[in-house]
Every structure is written in C-alpha cells, then in structure tokens.
Amino acid sequence: MNPTVCTAVSVGVFVGTVACLEVGFRLGRHSAGRSPRVTYAGLGIIVAAVFMLLGLLLGVNLAGGISRLDAQRQRIVKEAGAIGRAYFRLDLLPSNEQREMRRLFSTVPRYATTLACQASRSANSRSRTC
C-alpha cells in the first residue's frame, strides 16, 4: 500500500475515533442533565481501551515506515557495493581501455541519482525535488 494513503487512513481513523469519543461524551453529559441517577461506571475503561487501540495503530504505522526506510537503505548499500566492485574490476581490462572505462564510470553516480529521482517522481507525482 502507498505510504501516503496508509498515513492518511491512520490520521482519518484517529480523528474519527476522537470525534466519536467526544460526541459520545457530550451526549452522555446531556442525558445525565435530564436524568441525574445515571452513573459513569466503567467509562474510564472504555476511554483507556480506545486510546490503547489508537496507540497500537500509531505504532504499526511507524513500524511500517521504519521498515520501508531500512529496506531502502539496504538497496542503496547493495547498489553502492556493486558499483565499487565493478570499478575495481576495471583493473582486469587492458590498459588502453581502462582510462575510457574509468571516465565512463565517473558518470554512474549521476545517472543512478537521476534514475532514482525519476522513479520517486513517478511513484509520488507531487514530489518536485529529489
């Protein structure tokens, strides 16, 4: 699922739950004004359960974001390692081809950055910078 959509859904559930809790509280207070014999026994348990579920929702959302960030870091490390190994393997080429290949390899980081930037823009069309 798209991280932006996941975050929007989580925020929507949070706001909706807090709004419903507030509406219920106000309706209960209004009905207590008409009937003073009504007690609020057990209300604290319900409020605690609602906030516990909201905390769980927040924790799951943050854990998902952290795992996506960690996966992205791992991909970057693997790609950098592959580029470095390929650069050091240029020593195996004949000496007359090494200079040209080393010059071409100096453009690889710029090309990789441009490619990653285009991929992130296509995934998130609102992004203007990389």
Protein backbone atom coordinates (compact mmCIF):
# COMPACT_ATOMS: atom_id res chain seq x y z
CA MET A 1 0.00 0.00 0.00
CA ASN A 2 1.17 3.52 -0.72
CA PRO A 3 2.68 5.10 2.43
CA THR A 4 0.78 8.35 1.86
CA VAL A 5 -2.53 6.51 1.69
CA CYS A 6 -1.66 4.47 4.78
CA THR A 7 -0.81 7.62 6.73
CA ALA A 8 -3.99 9.37 5.56
CA VAL A 9 -6.12 6.39 6.63
CA SER A 10 -4.40 6.28 10.04
CA VAL A 11 -4.94 10.00 10.60
CA GLY A 12 -8.57 9.66 9.50
CA VAL A 13 -9.19 6.78 11.91
CA PHE A 14 -7.54 8.72 14.73
CA VAL A 15 -9.56 11.88 14.12
CA GLY A 16 -12.79 9.89 13.66
CA THR A 17 -12.26 7.96 16.88
CA VAL A 18 -11.50 11.06 18.92
CA ALA A 19 -14.53 12.84 17.39
CA CYS A 20 -16.82 9.90 18.18
CA LEU A 21 -15.46 9.78 21.72
CA GLU A 22 -16.16 13.48 22.19
CA VAL A 23 -19.68 13.23 20.71
CA GLY A 24 -20.46 10.30 22.99
CA PHE A 25 -19.14 12.18 26.00
CA ARG A 26 -21.29 15.21 25.21
CA LEU A 27 -24.40 13.11 24.60
CA GLY A 28 -23.83 11.33 27.90
CA ARG A 29 -23.39 14.61 29.72
CA HIS A 30 -26.58 15.92 28.13
CA SER A 31 -28.56 12.82 29.15
CA ALA A 32 -27.12 13.00 32.67
CA GLY A 33 -28.54 16.50 33.00
CA ARG A 34 -32.02 15.13 32.34
CA SER A 35 -31.58 12.00 34.47
CA PRO A 36 -29.15 12.54 37.36
CA ARG A 37 -29.35 8.90 38.50
CA VAL A 38 -27.17 7.75 35.58
CA THR A 39 -23.64 6.89 36.66
CA TYR A 40 -20.47 6.74 34.59
CA ALA A 41 -19.12 3.49 36.00
CA GLY A 42 -16.72 1.85 33.59
CA LEU A 43 -16.26 4.90 31.37
CA GLY A 44 -12.54 5.11 32.20
CA ILE A 45 -12.00 1.55 30.98
CA ILE A 46 -13.61 2.33 27.62
CA VAL A 47 -11.58 5.51 27.18
CA ALA A 48 -8.39 3.63 28.08
CA ALA A 49 -9.21 0.89 25.55
CA VAL A 50 -9.85 3.43 22.79
CA PHE A 51 -6.55 5.19 23.44
CA MET A 52 -4.75 1.86 23.61
CA LEU A 53 -6.07 0.98 20.15
CA LEU A 54 -5.03 4.39 18.84
CA GLY A 55 -1.54 3.84 20.27
CA LEU A 56 -1.40 0.45 18.57
CA LEU A 57 -2.45 2.00 15.27
CA LEU A 58 0.24 4.65 15.60
CA GLY A 59 2.87 2.05 16.48
CA VAL A 60 2.05 -0.13 13.49
CA ASN A 61 2.15 2.88 11.17
CA LEU A 62 5.56 3.97 12.46
CA ALA A 63 6.93 0.42 12.29
CA GLY A 64 5.87 0.19 8.63
CA GLY A 65 7.64 3.45 7.84
CA ILE A 66 10.81 2.34 9.59
CA SER A 67 10.85 -0.99 7.74
CA ARG A 68 10.46 0.78 4.37
CA LEU A 69 13.31 3.15 5.26
CA ASP A 70 15.53 0.24 6.29
CA ALA A 71 14.78 -1.62 3.04
CA GLN A 72 15.69 1.50 1.05
CA ARG A 73 18.98 1.82 2.93
CA GLN A 74 19.81 -1.82 2.22
CA ARG A 75 19.17 -1.33 -1.50
CA ILE A 76 21.42 1.73 -1.56
CA VAL A 77 24.24 -0.12 0.21
CA LYS A 78 23.99 -3.08 -2.18
CA GLU A 79 23.99 -0.81 -5.23
CA ALA A 80 26.99 1.17 -3.97
CA GLY A 81 28.86 -2.06 -3.27
CA ALA A 82 28.13 -3.37 -6.75
CA ILE A 83 29.34 -0.14 -8.36
CA GLY A 84 32.52 -0.20 -6.26
CA ARG A 85 33.28 -3.83 -7.13
CA ALA A 86 32.75 -3.14 -10.82
CA TYR A 87 35.06 -0.12 -10.64
CA PHE A 88 37.85 -2.15 -9.04
CA ARG A 89 37.42 -4.86 -11.65
CA LEU A 90 38.37 -2.34 -14.32
CA ASP A 91 41.97 -3.19 -13.45
CA LEU A 92 41.44 -6.50 -15.22
CA LEU A 93 40.86 -4.75 -18.56
CA PRO A 94 43.68 -3.99 -20.96
CA SER A 95 45.44 -0.75 -20.03
CA ASN A 96 44.39 1.05 -23.22
CA GLU A 97 40.67 0.57 -22.32
CA GLN A 98 40.92 1.36 -18.61
CA ARG A 99 41.13 5.15 -18.97
CA GLU A 100 37.94 5.39 -21.06
CA MET A 101 36.04 2.99 -18.80
CA ARG A 102 37.08 4.90 -15.66
CA ARG A 103 35.84 8.12 -17.29
CA LEU A 104 32.52 6.45 -18.06
CA PHE A 105 32.28 5.09 -14.53
CA SER A 106 32.51 8.61 -13.12
CA THR A 107 29.06 9.28 -14.63
CA VAL A 108 27.44 6.26 -12.95
CA PRO A 109 26.56 8.01 -9.64
CA ARG A 110 24.94 10.92 -11.50
CA TYR A 111 22.99 8.53 -13.71
CA ALA A 112 21.89 6.42 -10.74
CA THR A 113 20.74 9.54 -8.87
CA THR A 114 18.79 10.76 -11.89
CA LEU A 115 17.18 7.36 -12.36
CA ALA A 116 16.20 7.13 -8.67
CA CYS A 117 14.80 10.67 -8.83
CA GLN A 118 12.64 9.82 -11.84
CA ALA A 119 11.40 6.65 -10.15
CA SER A 120 10.42 8.53 -6.99
CA ARG A 121 8.64 11.19 -9.05
CA SER A 122 6.64 8.57 -10.90
CA ALA A 123 5.72 6.87 -7.62
CA ASN A 124 4.75 10.15 -5.95
CA SER A 125 3.65 12.67 -8.55
CA ARG A 126 3.56 15.55 -6.02
CA SER A 127 7.32 15.37 -5.41
CA ARG A 128 9.20 18.23 -7.08
CA THR A 129 12.72 17.64 -5.76
CA CYS A 130 14.83 14.58 -5.03
